[in-house]
Protein backbone atom coordinates (compact mmCIF):
# COMPACT_ATOMS: atom_id res chain seq x y z
CA ASN A 1 -5.36 -4.16 -13.54
CA THR A 2 -1.91 -4.47 -12.07
CA GLY A 3 -0.13 -3.15 -9.04
CA ILE A 4 1.22 -4.05 -5.63
CA SER A 5 -0.80 -4.71 -2.51
CA ILE A 6 1.05 -5.19 0.77
CA GLN A 7 -1.15 -6.44 3.61
CA ASN A 8 -0.49 -7.66 7.15
CA CYS A 9 3.26 -7.08 6.96
CA GLN A 10 5.94 -5.52 9.14
CA ILE A 11 7.72 -2.78 7.23
CA GLY A 12 10.94 -1.20 8.41
CA ALA A 13 14.60 -0.61 7.68
CA GLN A 14 17.90 0.19 9.38
CA SER A 15 17.82 3.78 8.09
CA VAL A 16 15.17 6.22 6.87
CA THR A 17 13.21 4.76 3.99
CA TYR A 18 10.02 5.17 1.97
CA LEU A 19 7.02 2.96 1.28
CA GLY A 20 7.67 3.26 -2.44
CA ARG A 21 7.70 5.67 -5.33
CA PRO A 22 5.67 6.18 -8.47
CA TRP A 23 6.88 3.88 -11.20
CA LYS A 24 5.50 4.53 -14.64
CA GLN A 25 2.40 6.52 -15.39
CA TYR A 26 -0.22 4.13 -14.04
CA SER A 27 1.45 2.52 -11.03
CA ARG A 28 -0.73 1.36 -8.13
CA THR A 29 0.44 0.49 -4.64
CA VAL A 30 -1.59 -0.02 -1.48
CA ILE A 31 -0.14 -0.62 1.98
CA MET A 32 -2.78 -1.91 4.40
CA GLN A 33 -3.16 -3.38 7.83
CA SER A 34 0.61 -3.40 8.25
CA SER A 35 2.97 -2.30 11.00
CA LEU A 36 5.27 0.54 9.91
CA ASP A 37 8.28 1.23 12.10
CA GLY A 38 9.91 4.60 12.77
CA SER A 39 12.24 4.31 9.77
CA ILE A 40 9.44 5.34 7.39
CA HIS A 41 9.98 8.93 6.21
CA PRO A 42 7.02 11.15 7.20
CA ALA A 43 6.31 11.88 3.50
CA GLY A 44 5.84 8.14 3.06
CA TRP A 45 6.42 8.10 -0.67
CA PHE A 46 9.54 9.07 -2.60
CA PRO A 47 9.01 11.80 -5.21
CA TRP A 48 8.48 10.99 -8.87
CA ALA A 49 11.74 11.37 -10.81
CA GLY A 50 10.12 13.75 -13.32
CA GLY A 51 8.95 16.31 -10.75
CA SER A 52 5.29 16.10 -9.80
CA SER A 53 3.71 12.66 -9.79
CA PRO A 54 1.26 11.84 -12.56
CA SER A 55 -2.39 12.12 -11.55
CA SER A 56 -2.94 8.65 -13.03
CA ILE A 57 -1.17 6.83 -10.15
CA TYR A 58 -3.10 5.22 -7.31
CA TYR A 59 -1.28 5.01 -3.99
CA GLY A 60 -3.15 4.30 -0.79
CA GLU A 61 -2.92 3.37 2.85
CA TYR A 62 -5.45 1.61 5.04
CA SER A 63 -5.50 0.87 8.75
CA ASN A 64 -1.75 0.70 9.30
CA SER A 65 -0.16 0.88 12.75
CA GLY A 66 3.16 1.74 14.35
CA PRO A 67 5.35 4.86 14.56
CA GLY A 68 5.66 5.21 10.77
CA SER A 69 1.94 4.94 10.06
CA SER A 70 0.92 8.55 10.63
CA THR A 71 -0.30 10.03 7.35
CA SER A 72 -0.29 13.65 8.57
CA GLY A 73 3.03 14.43 6.85
CA ARG A 74 2.44 12.35 3.73
CA VAL A 75 2.79 13.57 0.16
CA ASN A 76 0.06 15.71 -1.35
CA TRP A 77 -0.36 14.05 -4.74
CA PRO A 78 -3.62 13.84 -6.69
CA GLY A 79 -3.35 10.04 -6.88
CA TYR A 80 -2.44 9.47 -3.22
CA HIS A 81 -5.18 8.33 -0.83
CA SER A 82 -4.09 8.65 2.79
CA SER A 83 -7.06 6.92 4.36
CA LEU A 84 -8.84 4.37 2.21
CA THR A 85 -12.29 3.22 3.31
CA SER A 86 -12.82 -0.47 3.97
CA VAL A 87 -14.77 -0.70 0.69
CA GLU A 88 -11.82 0.81 -1.23
CA ALA A 89 -9.26 -1.36 0.60
CA GLN A 90 -11.27 -4.54 -0.03
CA LYS A 91 -10.48 -4.15 -3.76
CA PHE A 92 -6.79 -4.76 -2.95
CA THR A 93 -7.17 -7.96 -0.88
CA VAL A 94 -6.02 -11.39 -2.04
CA GLY A 95 -9.61 -12.40 -2.76
CA SER A 96 -10.43 -9.36 -4.88
CA PHE A 97 -7.15 -8.09 -6.35
CA ILE A 98 -5.72 -11.39 -7.59
CA SER A 99 -8.80 -13.66 -7.32
CA GLY A 100 -6.87 -15.72 -4.80
CA ASN A 101 -9.93 -17.69 -3.69
CA VAL A 102 -9.98 -19.28 -7.14
CA TRP A 103 -6.41 -20.48 -7.60
CA LEU A 104 -4.62 -20.42 -4.23
CA PRO A 105 -6.42 -23.24 -2.34
CA PRO A 106 -5.01 -26.05 -4.53
CA THR A 107 -1.47 -24.76 -3.90
CA GLY A 108 -1.70 -25.32 -0.15
CA VAL A 109 -0.36 -21.80 0.49
CA ALA A 110 -1.97 -20.20 3.54
CA PHE A 111 -3.67 -16.88 2.84
CA ASP A 112 -6.28 -14.46 4.14
CA SER A 113 -8.84 -13.61 1.51
CA GLY A 114 -10.19 -10.33 2.90
CA LEU A 115 -9.44 -7.51 5.27
CA GLY A 116 -9.63 -9.44 8.51
CA GLY A 117 -10.37 -7.98 11.90
């Protein structure tokens, strides 16, 4: 399993931007517990270059805040999940997604293992 999980971040830009776009047939990206500023395009995700996005992608959002966090105008793709449950989001945390509890402590890098409050 591969993909990108962005958690507890501040996301913004100087001009209108997107959270990402489908890349390859099985791309996975989750944005969670992050602050999204007003530069985020209401659609949230940039269209797939080949037309409609493949149904095999997995894109999700969980408990984001800020002016760009509204999912009401987001894309309507089969693989997009506008409001993940905490159980679904937990799969994309440092502890679950990259088994961070196993290999990060010896590095001395600070991290949060789960979803947090």
